[in-house]
């Protein structure tokens, strides 16, 4: 019988996209108030090149950034974080000066990087998602095995790109170093 233990801390990950340039500094400031400093940040890339799913509600130009946070979290915090990001999306949409055809001015997709996987939170159930709590589901979006990220049949196309996976490797390396540093202190 396996021993029950607390999971190791993980790196909080956030994917952020919007048609409004003001969304990124606003979201970063709000996140840092809630979760601590952004430690790692990707270059912006065009998320609409991978899907047109968000175009009707968010517009056609949707730059996306990926963030990794300095302070590690307990993975059980993911439902609380996802409900907070949903509230922040609504808050930004309410205060932003967006065009009438944009009904969603900001998209925030939280998750976490662990040494063996990228996990994303969702409000939508599906066969490959596991219910956590508070109406939030989680999926393993990528696996890390044999020193590389591996896509799964449901992995979103943008997460399959070299640029995204390079960023996630930086997040994974930061996580490993931070865990090692913390264990030396104990």
N, C-alpha and C. Protein backbone atom coordinates (compact mmCIF):
# COMPACT_ATOMS: atom_id res chain seq x y z
N UNK A 1 0.85 -1.18 0.00
CA UNK A 1 0.00 0.00 0.00
C UNK A 1 0.90 1.24 0.00
N UNK A 2 0.59 2.17 -0.88
CA UNK A 2 1.35 3.42 -0.95
C UNK A 2 1.04 4.33 0.23
N UNK A 3 2.00 5.13 0.58
CA UNK A 3 1.84 6.09 1.67
C UNK A 3 1.21 7.38 1.15
N UNK A 4 0.22 7.88 1.86
CA UNK A 4 -0.39 9.14 1.49
C UNK A 4 0.53 10.27 1.92
N UNK A 5 0.78 11.20 0.99
CA UNK A 5 1.64 12.34 1.31
C UNK A 5 1.17 13.56 0.54
N UNK A 6 1.60 14.70 0.97
CA UNK A 6 1.29 15.94 0.28
C UNK A 6 2.08 16.00 -1.03
N UNK A 7 1.49 16.54 -2.09
CA UNK A 7 2.23 16.65 -3.35
C UNK A 7 3.31 17.73 -3.23
N UNK A 8 4.31 17.60 -4.07
CA UNK A 8 5.34 18.63 -4.15
C UNK A 8 4.73 19.90 -4.74
N UNK A 9 5.29 21.05 -4.38
CA UNK A 9 4.79 22.29 -4.98
C UNK A 9 5.08 22.34 -6.48
N UNK A 10 4.26 23.08 -7.18
CA UNK A 10 4.35 23.18 -8.64
C UNK A 10 4.45 24.64 -9.05
N UNK A 11 4.81 24.86 -10.31
CA UNK A 11 4.94 26.22 -10.83
C UNK A 11 3.62 26.67 -11.44
N UNK A 12 3.10 27.78 -10.94
CA UNK A 12 1.87 28.34 -11.49
C UNK A 12 2.15 28.87 -12.89
N UNK A 13 1.31 28.46 -13.81
CA UNK A 13 1.43 28.79 -15.23
C UNK A 13 0.18 29.55 -15.65
N UNK A 14 0.35 30.53 -16.52
CA UNK A 14 -0.81 31.27 -17.02
C UNK A 14 -0.62 31.57 -18.50
N UNK A 15 -1.65 31.27 -19.29
CA UNK A 15 -1.71 31.69 -20.69
C UNK A 15 -2.69 32.86 -20.74
N UNK A 16 -2.26 33.95 -21.37
CA UNK A 16 -3.04 35.19 -21.39
C UNK A 16 -3.16 35.65 -22.83
N UNK A 17 -4.38 35.89 -23.30
CA UNK A 17 -4.52 36.50 -24.61
C UNK A 17 -5.70 37.45 -24.67
N UNK A 18 -5.54 38.43 -25.55
CA UNK A 18 -6.52 39.50 -25.68
C UNK A 18 -6.26 40.26 -26.97
N UNK A 19 -7.30 40.89 -27.49
CA UNK A 19 -7.12 41.78 -28.65
C UNK A 19 -6.71 43.18 -28.20
N UNK A 20 -6.70 43.40 -26.90
CA UNK A 20 -6.41 44.74 -26.36
C UNK A 20 -5.02 44.75 -25.71
N UNK A 21 -4.17 45.64 -26.18
CA UNK A 21 -2.81 45.73 -25.63
C UNK A 21 -2.81 46.07 -24.15
N UNK A 22 -3.81 46.80 -23.67
CA UNK A 22 -3.87 47.18 -22.26
C UNK A 22 -4.15 45.99 -21.34
N UNK A 23 -4.62 44.89 -21.90
CA UNK A 23 -4.96 43.73 -21.08
C UNK A 23 -3.73 43.11 -20.42
N UNK A 24 -2.61 43.08 -21.12
CA UNK A 24 -1.44 42.38 -20.59
C UNK A 24 -0.85 43.04 -19.35
N UNK A 25 -0.58 44.35 -19.37
CA UNK A 25 -0.06 44.95 -18.14
C UNK A 25 -1.08 44.93 -17.01
N UNK A 26 -2.38 45.07 -17.35
CA UNK A 26 -3.42 45.01 -16.33
C UNK A 26 -3.43 43.62 -15.68
N UNK A 27 -3.46 42.58 -16.49
CA UNK A 27 -3.51 41.22 -15.96
C UNK A 27 -2.24 40.89 -15.17
N UNK A 28 -1.10 41.31 -15.67
CA UNK A 28 0.15 41.03 -14.96
C UNK A 28 0.15 41.69 -13.58
N UNK A 29 -0.28 42.94 -13.52
CA UNK A 29 -0.34 43.64 -12.23
C UNK A 29 -1.29 42.92 -11.27
N UNK A 30 -2.48 42.56 -11.77
CA UNK A 30 -3.47 41.88 -10.91
C UNK A 30 -2.96 40.52 -10.45
N UNK A 31 -2.33 39.77 -11.36
CA UNK A 31 -1.79 38.46 -10.97
C UNK A 31 -0.70 38.59 -9.93
N UNK A 32 0.17 39.55 -10.14
CA UNK A 32 1.27 39.70 -9.20
C UNK A 32 0.76 40.11 -7.81
N UNK A 33 -0.34 40.85 -7.75
CA UNK A 33 -0.97 41.17 -6.47
C UNK A 33 -1.47 39.89 -5.78
N UNK A 34 -1.98 38.96 -6.57
CA UNK A 34 -2.59 37.75 -6.03
C UNK A 34 -1.60 36.59 -5.84
N UNK A 35 -0.65 36.45 -6.77
CA UNK A 35 0.16 35.23 -6.81
C UNK A 35 1.67 35.46 -6.72
N UNK A 36 2.09 36.70 -6.61
CA UNK A 36 3.52 36.98 -6.57
C UNK A 36 4.05 37.27 -7.96
N UNK A 37 5.35 37.58 -8.04
CA UNK A 37 5.94 38.04 -9.30
C UNK A 37 5.93 37.00 -10.43
N UNK A 38 5.77 37.52 -11.64
CA UNK A 38 5.97 36.70 -12.84
C UNK A 38 7.47 36.54 -12.99
N UNK A 39 7.94 35.33 -13.00
CA UNK A 39 9.38 35.03 -13.10
C UNK A 39 9.80 34.79 -14.55
N UNK A 40 8.92 34.17 -15.32
CA UNK A 40 9.23 33.79 -16.70
C UNK A 40 8.10 34.28 -17.61
N UNK A 41 8.48 34.83 -18.76
CA UNK A 41 7.48 35.35 -19.69
C UNK A 41 7.89 35.01 -21.12
N UNK A 42 6.95 34.50 -21.88
CA UNK A 42 7.23 34.17 -23.28
C UNK A 42 7.12 35.42 -24.14
N UNK A 43 7.63 35.31 -25.35
CA UNK A 43 7.35 36.32 -26.37
C UNK A 43 5.88 36.17 -26.74
N UNK A 44 5.28 37.24 -27.23
CA UNK A 44 3.90 37.17 -27.71
C UNK A 44 3.86 36.39 -29.02
N UNK A 45 2.81 35.61 -29.20
CA UNK A 45 2.59 34.93 -30.47
C UNK A 45 1.11 35.02 -30.82
N UNK A 46 0.80 34.84 -32.08
CA UNK A 46 -0.56 35.02 -32.57
C UNK A 46 -1.37 33.74 -32.33
N UNK A 47 -2.23 33.76 -31.31
CA UNK A 47 -3.01 32.56 -30.99
C UNK A 47 -4.05 32.25 -32.06
N UNK A 48 -4.51 33.27 -32.80
CA UNK A 48 -5.55 33.04 -33.81
C UNK A 48 -5.03 32.23 -35.00
N UNK A 49 -3.72 32.06 -35.11
CA UNK A 49 -3.20 31.21 -36.18
C UNK A 49 -3.46 29.73 -35.90
N UNK A 50 -3.80 29.39 -34.65
CA UNK A 50 -4.02 28.00 -34.27
C UNK A 50 -5.50 27.62 -34.18
N UNK A 51 -6.35 28.62 -33.94
CA UNK A 51 -7.78 28.36 -33.84
C UNK A 51 -8.55 29.65 -34.07
N UNK A 52 -9.74 29.53 -34.61
CA UNK A 52 -10.61 30.70 -34.73
C UNK A 52 -11.76 30.65 -33.72
N UNK A 53 -11.66 29.75 -32.75
CA UNK A 53 -12.70 29.54 -31.75
C UNK A 53 -13.07 30.83 -31.01
N UNK A 54 -12.07 31.65 -30.69
CA UNK A 54 -12.30 32.85 -29.87
C UNK A 54 -12.61 34.10 -30.69
N UNK A 55 -12.43 34.06 -31.99
CA UNK A 55 -12.61 35.24 -32.83
C UNK A 55 -14.01 35.87 -32.68
N UNK A 56 -15.11 35.11 -32.67
CA UNK A 56 -16.42 35.75 -32.56
C UNK A 56 -16.63 36.57 -31.28
N UNK A 57 -16.01 36.19 -30.18
CA UNK A 57 -16.22 36.91 -28.92
C UNK A 57 -15.07 37.83 -28.54
N UNK A 58 -13.87 37.60 -29.14
CA UNK A 58 -12.70 38.36 -28.70
C UNK A 58 -12.05 39.20 -29.80
N UNK A 59 -12.42 38.99 -31.03
CA UNK A 59 -11.80 39.73 -32.13
C UNK A 59 -10.80 38.86 -32.88
N UNK A 60 -10.26 39.42 -33.96
CA UNK A 60 -9.43 38.61 -34.85
C UNK A 60 -7.93 38.68 -34.57
N UNK A 61 -7.46 39.70 -33.88
CA UNK A 61 -6.04 39.79 -33.54
C UNK A 61 -5.90 39.44 -32.06
N UNK A 62 -5.32 38.27 -31.78
CA UNK A 62 -5.27 37.79 -30.40
C UNK A 62 -3.85 37.36 -29.99
N UNK A 63 -2.98 38.32 -29.70
CA UNK A 63 -1.66 37.92 -29.21
C UNK A 63 -1.79 37.21 -27.88
N UNK A 64 -0.89 36.25 -27.67
CA UNK A 64 -0.92 35.41 -26.48
C UNK A 64 0.45 35.43 -25.83
N UNK A 65 0.48 35.45 -24.51
CA UNK A 65 1.71 35.36 -23.74
C UNK A 65 1.55 34.25 -22.71
N UNK A 66 2.66 33.65 -22.37
CA UNK A 66 2.70 32.61 -21.34
C UNK A 66 3.54 33.13 -20.18
N UNK A 67 3.06 32.91 -18.97
CA UNK A 67 3.77 33.36 -17.78
C UNK A 67 3.99 32.21 -16.81
N UNK A 68 5.13 32.22 -16.16
CA UNK A 68 5.43 31.31 -15.05
C UNK A 68 5.76 32.16 -13.83
N UNK A 69 5.22 31.81 -12.69
CA UNK A 69 5.35 32.62 -11.49
C UNK A 69 6.48 32.16 -10.59
N UNK A 70 7.07 33.12 -9.89
CA UNK A 70 8.21 32.84 -9.01
C UNK A 70 7.83 31.91 -7.86
N UNK A 71 6.69 32.19 -7.22
CA UNK A 71 6.30 31.45 -6.02
C UNK A 71 5.56 30.18 -6.41
N UNK A 72 6.05 29.05 -5.92
CA UNK A 72 5.41 27.77 -6.21
C UNK A 72 4.10 27.66 -5.44
N UNK A 73 3.22 26.82 -5.95
CA UNK A 73 1.90 26.65 -5.33
C UNK A 73 1.64 25.17 -5.04
N UNK A 74 0.66 24.92 -4.20
CA UNK A 74 0.14 23.58 -3.99
C UNK A 74 -0.81 23.30 -5.16
N UNK A 75 -0.69 22.15 -5.83
CA UNK A 75 -1.57 21.90 -6.99
C UNK A 75 -3.05 21.89 -6.65
N UNK A 76 -3.39 21.67 -5.38
CA UNK A 76 -4.81 21.68 -5.00
C UNK A 76 -5.42 23.08 -5.07
N UNK A 77 -4.59 24.11 -5.28
CA UNK A 77 -5.07 25.48 -5.40
C UNK A 77 -5.67 25.79 -6.78
N UNK A 78 -5.51 24.88 -7.73
CA UNK A 78 -5.94 25.16 -9.10
C UNK A 78 -7.41 25.56 -9.23
N UNK A 79 -8.37 24.90 -8.56
CA UNK A 79 -9.77 25.36 -8.69
C UNK A 79 -9.97 26.79 -8.19
N UNK A 80 -9.34 27.16 -7.09
CA UNK A 80 -9.46 28.51 -6.57
C UNK A 80 -8.87 29.52 -7.56
N UNK A 81 -7.73 29.17 -8.13
CA UNK A 81 -7.08 30.07 -9.09
C UNK A 81 -7.93 30.24 -10.34
N UNK A 82 -8.50 29.15 -10.84
CA UNK A 82 -9.34 29.24 -12.05
C UNK A 82 -10.58 30.09 -11.78
N UNK A 83 -11.20 29.96 -10.63
CA UNK A 83 -12.37 30.80 -10.34
C UNK A 83 -11.96 32.27 -10.22
N UNK A 84 -10.77 32.54 -9.69
CA UNK A 84 -10.26 33.91 -9.64
C UNK A 84 -10.00 34.46 -11.04
N UNK A 85 -9.42 33.65 -11.91
CA UNK A 85 -9.14 34.14 -13.27
C UNK A 85 -10.44 34.41 -14.03
N UNK A 86 -11.46 33.61 -13.81
CA UNK A 86 -12.76 33.89 -14.44
C UNK A 86 -13.30 35.24 -13.98
N UNK A 87 -13.18 35.53 -12.69
CA UNK A 87 -13.64 36.81 -12.15
C UNK A 87 -12.81 37.96 -12.73
N UNK A 88 -11.50 37.75 -12.89
CA UNK A 88 -10.65 38.79 -13.46
C UNK A 88 -11.00 39.05 -14.93
N UNK A 89 -11.34 38.01 -15.68
CA UNK A 89 -11.78 38.20 -17.06
C UNK A 89 -13.00 39.12 -17.10
N UNK A 90 -13.97 38.82 -16.23
CA UNK A 90 -15.19 39.64 -16.18
C UNK A 90 -14.87 41.08 -15.77
N UNK A 91 -13.98 41.23 -14.78
CA UNK A 91 -13.60 42.56 -14.31
C UNK A 91 -12.97 43.38 -15.43
N UNK A 92 -12.04 42.79 -16.16
CA UNK A 92 -11.38 43.54 -17.23
C UNK A 92 -12.36 43.88 -18.35
N UNK A 93 -13.22 42.95 -18.71
CA UNK A 93 -14.20 43.22 -19.76
C UNK A 93 -15.11 44.38 -19.35
N UNK A 94 -15.48 44.44 -18.07
CA UNK A 94 -16.36 45.51 -17.58
C UNK A 94 -15.68 46.88 -17.59
N UNK A 95 -14.38 46.94 -17.34
CA UNK A 95 -13.70 48.24 -17.23
C UNK A 95 -13.00 48.67 -18.52
N UNK A 96 -12.86 47.76 -19.47
CA UNK A 96 -12.09 48.09 -20.68
C UNK A 96 -12.94 48.83 -21.71
N UNK A 97 -12.24 49.54 -22.54
CA UNK A 97 -12.87 50.27 -23.63
C UNK A 97 -12.71 49.44 -24.91
N UNK A 98 -13.58 48.48 -25.08
CA UNK A 98 -13.47 47.56 -26.21
C UNK A 98 -14.59 47.81 -27.21
N UNK A 99 -14.41 47.30 -28.40
CA UNK A 99 -15.42 47.48 -29.43
C UNK A 99 -16.67 46.67 -29.09
N UNK A 100 -17.77 47.03 -29.68
CA UNK A 100 -19.06 46.41 -29.38
C UNK A 100 -19.09 44.93 -29.73
N UNK A 101 -18.31 44.50 -30.73
CA UNK A 101 -18.34 43.09 -31.11
C UNK A 101 -17.48 42.22 -30.19
N UNK A 102 -16.72 42.82 -29.27
CA UNK A 102 -15.92 42.05 -28.32
C UNK A 102 -16.72 41.90 -27.03
N UNK A 103 -17.15 40.67 -26.76
CA UNK A 103 -17.89 40.40 -25.53
C UNK A 103 -17.00 39.79 -24.45
N UNK A 104 -15.80 39.43 -24.84
CA UNK A 104 -14.82 38.87 -23.90
C UNK A 104 -13.49 39.54 -24.24
N UNK A 105 -13.06 40.46 -23.40
CA UNK A 105 -11.87 41.26 -23.71
C UNK A 105 -10.57 40.58 -23.27
N UNK A 106 -10.65 39.54 -22.46
CA UNK A 106 -9.45 38.91 -21.91
C UNK A 106 -9.72 37.43 -21.67
N UNK A 107 -8.75 36.60 -22.02
CA UNK A 107 -8.83 35.16 -21.74
C UNK A 107 -7.63 34.78 -20.88
N UNK A 108 -7.91 34.13 -19.76
CA UNK A 108 -6.88 33.71 -18.82
C UNK A 108 -7.00 32.20 -18.61
N UNK A 109 -5.95 31.48 -18.94
CA UNK A 109 -5.96 30.03 -18.78
C UNK A 109 -4.87 29.61 -17.80
N UNK A 110 -5.26 29.37 -16.54
CA UNK A 110 -4.26 28.95 -15.56
C UNK A 110 -4.03 27.45 -15.59
N UNK A 111 -2.89 27.09 -15.08
CA UNK A 111 -2.52 25.69 -14.92
C UNK A 111 -1.25 25.62 -14.11
N UNK A 112 -0.60 24.48 -14.18
CA UNK A 112 0.69 24.37 -13.50
C UNK A 112 1.62 23.45 -14.26
N UNK A 113 2.90 23.73 -14.06
CA UNK A 113 3.96 22.89 -14.61
C UNK A 113 4.51 22.06 -13.46
N UNK A 114 4.54 20.76 -13.64
CA UNK A 114 5.19 19.84 -12.72
C UNK A 114 6.34 19.22 -13.51
N UNK A 115 7.18 18.46 -12.88
CA UNK A 115 8.33 17.91 -13.60
C UNK A 115 7.92 16.97 -14.72
N UNK A 116 6.75 16.33 -14.61
CA UNK A 116 6.33 15.37 -15.62
C UNK A 116 5.16 15.77 -16.48
N UNK A 117 4.64 17.01 -16.26
CA UNK A 117 3.42 17.36 -17.01
C UNK A 117 3.10 18.84 -16.93
N UNK A 118 2.29 19.27 -17.92
CA UNK A 118 1.61 20.56 -17.88
C UNK A 118 0.14 20.25 -17.67
N UNK A 119 -0.45 20.84 -16.64
CA UNK A 119 -1.87 20.66 -16.33
C UNK A 119 -2.57 21.99 -16.53
N UNK A 120 -3.69 21.98 -17.26
CA UNK A 120 -4.49 23.18 -17.45
C UNK A 120 -5.86 23.00 -16.79
N UNK A 121 -6.40 24.10 -16.27
CA UNK A 121 -7.73 24.10 -15.66
C UNK A 121 -8.76 24.49 -16.70
N UNK A 122 -9.99 24.02 -16.51
CA UNK A 122 -11.08 24.33 -17.43
C UNK A 122 -12.41 24.29 -16.69
N UNK A 123 -13.36 25.04 -17.19
CA UNK A 123 -14.73 24.93 -16.68
C UNK A 123 -15.54 23.91 -17.48
N UNK A 124 -14.94 23.38 -18.53
CA UNK A 124 -15.64 22.46 -19.42
C UNK A 124 -15.21 21.01 -19.17
N UNK A 125 -16.19 20.15 -19.02
CA UNK A 125 -15.92 18.72 -18.85
C UNK A 125 -15.70 18.08 -20.22
N UNK A 126 -14.93 17.03 -20.22
CA UNK A 126 -14.71 16.23 -21.42
C UNK A 126 -14.15 14.88 -20.97
N UNK A 127 -14.09 13.92 -21.86
CA UNK A 127 -13.67 12.57 -21.51
C UNK A 127 -12.27 12.50 -20.89
N UNK A 128 -11.39 13.41 -21.27
CA UNK A 128 -10.01 13.39 -20.79
C UNK A 128 -9.78 14.32 -19.60
N UNK A 129 -10.84 14.91 -19.07
CA UNK A 129 -10.70 15.84 -17.94
C UNK A 129 -11.24 15.23 -16.66
N UNK A 130 -10.60 15.61 -15.57
CA UNK A 130 -10.97 15.12 -14.25
C UNK A 130 -11.55 16.28 -13.45
N UNK A 131 -12.67 16.01 -12.78
CA UNK A 131 -13.28 17.03 -11.94
C UNK A 131 -12.44 17.24 -10.68
N UNK A 132 -12.18 18.52 -10.35
CA UNK A 132 -11.42 18.84 -9.14
C UNK A 132 -12.37 19.29 -8.03
N UNK A 133 -12.95 20.47 -8.19
CA UNK A 133 -13.94 21.03 -7.26
C UNK A 133 -14.37 22.39 -7.79
N UNK A 134 -15.42 22.97 -7.18
CA UNK A 134 -15.88 24.32 -7.51
C UNK A 134 -16.21 24.49 -9.00
N UNK A 135 -16.65 23.42 -9.67
CA UNK A 135 -16.98 23.50 -11.09
C UNK A 135 -15.77 23.50 -12.00
N UNK A 136 -14.61 23.12 -11.50
CA UNK A 136 -13.37 23.18 -12.27
C UNK A 136 -12.84 21.77 -12.55
N UNK A 137 -12.42 21.59 -13.80
CA UNK A 137 -11.83 20.35 -14.27
C UNK A 137 -10.36 20.60 -14.60
N UNK A 138 -9.60 19.52 -14.71
CA UNK A 138 -8.19 19.65 -15.09
C UNK A 138 -7.86 18.58 -16.11
N UNK A 139 -6.88 18.92 -16.96
CA UNK A 139 -6.38 17.96 -17.93
C UNK A 139 -4.86 18.03 -17.97
N UNK A 140 -4.25 16.89 -18.16
CA UNK A 140 -2.83 16.88 -18.49
C UNK A 140 -2.76 17.22 -19.98
N UNK A 141 -2.17 18.37 -20.29
CA UNK A 141 -2.11 18.86 -21.66
C UNK A 141 -0.87 18.36 -22.39
N UNK A 142 0.23 18.27 -21.66
CA UNK A 142 1.49 17.74 -22.20
C UNK A 142 2.14 16.86 -21.13
N UNK A 143 2.88 15.86 -21.58
CA UNK A 143 3.69 15.03 -20.69
C UNK A 143 5.16 15.33 -20.97
N UNK A 144 5.97 15.28 -19.91
CA UNK A 144 7.41 15.43 -20.10
C UNK A 144 8.04 14.06 -19.86
N UNK A 145 8.62 13.51 -20.92
CA UNK A 145 9.23 12.19 -20.82
C UNK A 145 10.40 12.11 -21.79
N UNK A 146 11.45 11.41 -21.39
CA UNK A 146 12.66 11.26 -22.21
C UNK A 146 13.20 12.61 -22.65
N UNK A 147 13.22 13.56 -21.70
CA UNK A 147 13.78 14.90 -21.89
C UNK A 147 13.09 15.73 -22.98
N UNK A 148 11.78 15.48 -23.14
CA UNK A 148 11.02 16.24 -24.14
C UNK A 148 9.54 16.27 -23.77
N UNK A 149 8.87 17.31 -24.23
CA UNK A 149 7.42 17.41 -24.07
C UNK A 149 6.74 16.56 -25.13
N UNK A 150 5.74 15.81 -24.73
CA UNK A 150 4.98 14.95 -25.64
C UNK A 150 3.52 15.40 -25.66
N UNK A 151 3.00 15.59 -26.86
CA UNK A 151 1.61 15.96 -27.03
C UNK A 151 0.71 14.74 -26.85
N UNK A 152 -0.51 15.02 -26.49
CA UNK A 152 -1.54 13.99 -26.36
C UNK A 152 -2.58 14.26 -27.45
N UNK A 153 -3.50 13.36 -27.64
CA UNK A 153 -4.45 13.53 -28.75
C UNK A 153 -5.31 14.79 -28.59
N UNK A 154 -5.45 15.33 -27.39
CA UNK A 154 -6.26 16.51 -27.15
C UNK A 154 -5.42 17.79 -26.93
N UNK A 155 -4.14 17.69 -27.05
CA UNK A 155 -3.29 18.86 -26.82
C UNK A 155 -3.59 19.95 -27.86
N UNK A 156 -3.83 21.15 -27.38
CA UNK A 156 -4.10 22.28 -28.27
C UNK A 156 -2.90 22.52 -29.18
N UNK A 157 -3.14 22.92 -30.44
CA UNK A 157 -2.03 23.08 -31.39
C UNK A 157 -0.94 24.05 -30.94
N UNK A 158 -1.31 25.15 -30.28
CA UNK A 158 -0.27 26.10 -29.87
C UNK A 158 0.66 25.52 -28.81
N UNK A 159 0.17 24.59 -28.01
CA UNK A 159 1.02 23.94 -27.00
C UNK A 159 1.94 22.89 -27.63
N UNK A 160 1.72 22.57 -28.87
CA UNK A 160 2.57 21.61 -29.57
C UNK A 160 3.75 22.28 -30.27
N UNK A 161 3.79 23.61 -30.27
CA UNK A 161 4.85 24.32 -30.98
C UNK A 161 6.17 24.27 -30.21
N UNK A 162 7.25 24.40 -30.95
CA UNK A 162 8.58 24.42 -30.34
C UNK A 162 8.73 25.60 -29.39
N UNK A 163 8.23 26.76 -29.77
CA UNK A 163 8.36 27.95 -28.93
C UNK A 163 7.67 27.76 -27.59
N UNK A 164 6.45 27.22 -27.61
CA UNK A 164 5.72 26.97 -26.37
C UNK A 164 6.45 25.94 -25.51
N UNK A 165 6.89 24.87 -26.13
CA UNK A 165 7.56 23.82 -25.36
C UNK A 165 8.91 24.28 -24.84
N UNK A 166 9.61 25.14 -25.57
CA UNK A 166 10.85 25.72 -25.05
C UNK A 166 10.56 26.55 -23.80
N UNK A 167 9.48 27.34 -23.84
CA UNK A 167 9.11 28.11 -22.67
C UNK A 167 8.77 27.19 -21.50
N UNK A 168 8.03 26.13 -21.76
CA UNK A 168 7.66 25.20 -20.69
C UNK A 168 8.88 24.50 -20.12
N UNK A 169 9.88 24.25 -20.94
CA UNK A 169 11.13 23.67 -20.44
C UNK A 169 11.83 24.66 -19.51
N UNK A 170 11.82 25.94 -19.85
CA UNK A 170 12.36 26.95 -18.94
C UNK A 170 11.60 26.93 -17.61
N UNK A 171 10.28 26.81 -17.67
CA UNK A 171 9.46 26.72 -16.46
C UNK A 171 9.82 25.48 -15.65
N UNK A 172 9.96 24.37 -16.34
CA UNK A 172 10.30 23.10 -15.68
C UNK A 172 11.67 23.20 -15.01
N UNK A 173 12.64 23.77 -15.71
CA UNK A 173 13.99 23.94 -15.15
C UNK A 173 13.95 24.85 -13.92
N UNK A 174 13.19 25.92 -13.99
CA UNK A 174 13.04 26.82 -12.84
C UNK A 174 12.42 26.08 -11.66
N UNK A 175 11.39 25.29 -11.93
CA UNK A 175 10.74 24.50 -10.88
C UNK A 175 11.74 23.55 -10.23
N UNK A 176 12.49 22.81 -11.02
CA UNK A 176 13.45 21.85 -10.47
C UNK A 176 14.50 22.55 -9.61
N UNK A 177 15.01 23.68 -10.08
CA UNK A 177 16.01 24.42 -9.32
C UNK A 177 15.43 24.96 -8.02
N UNK A 178 14.22 25.51 -8.08
CA UNK A 178 13.58 26.07 -6.90
C UNK A 178 13.31 24.98 -5.87
N UNK A 179 12.82 23.83 -6.30
CA UNK A 179 12.60 22.72 -5.37
C UNK A 179 13.91 22.28 -4.73
N UNK A 180 14.97 22.17 -5.54
CA UNK A 180 16.28 21.75 -5.01
C UNK A 180 16.78 22.77 -3.99
N UNK A 181 16.66 24.06 -4.30
CA UNK A 181 17.10 25.11 -3.38
C UNK A 181 16.31 25.04 -2.07
N UNK A 182 15.00 24.82 -2.17
CA UNK A 182 14.15 24.78 -0.98
C UNK A 182 14.47 23.55 -0.12
N UNK A 183 14.79 22.42 -0.77
CA UNK A 183 15.11 21.22 0.02
C UNK A 183 16.46 21.35 0.73
N UNK A 184 17.39 22.12 0.15
CA UNK A 184 18.68 22.35 0.83
C UNK A 184 18.52 23.21 2.07
N UNK A 185 17.53 24.10 2.04
CA UNK A 185 17.29 25.01 3.17
C UNK A 185 16.69 24.26 4.35
N UNK A 186 15.92 23.23 4.08
CA UNK A 186 15.23 22.47 5.15
C UNK A 186 16.20 21.72 6.01
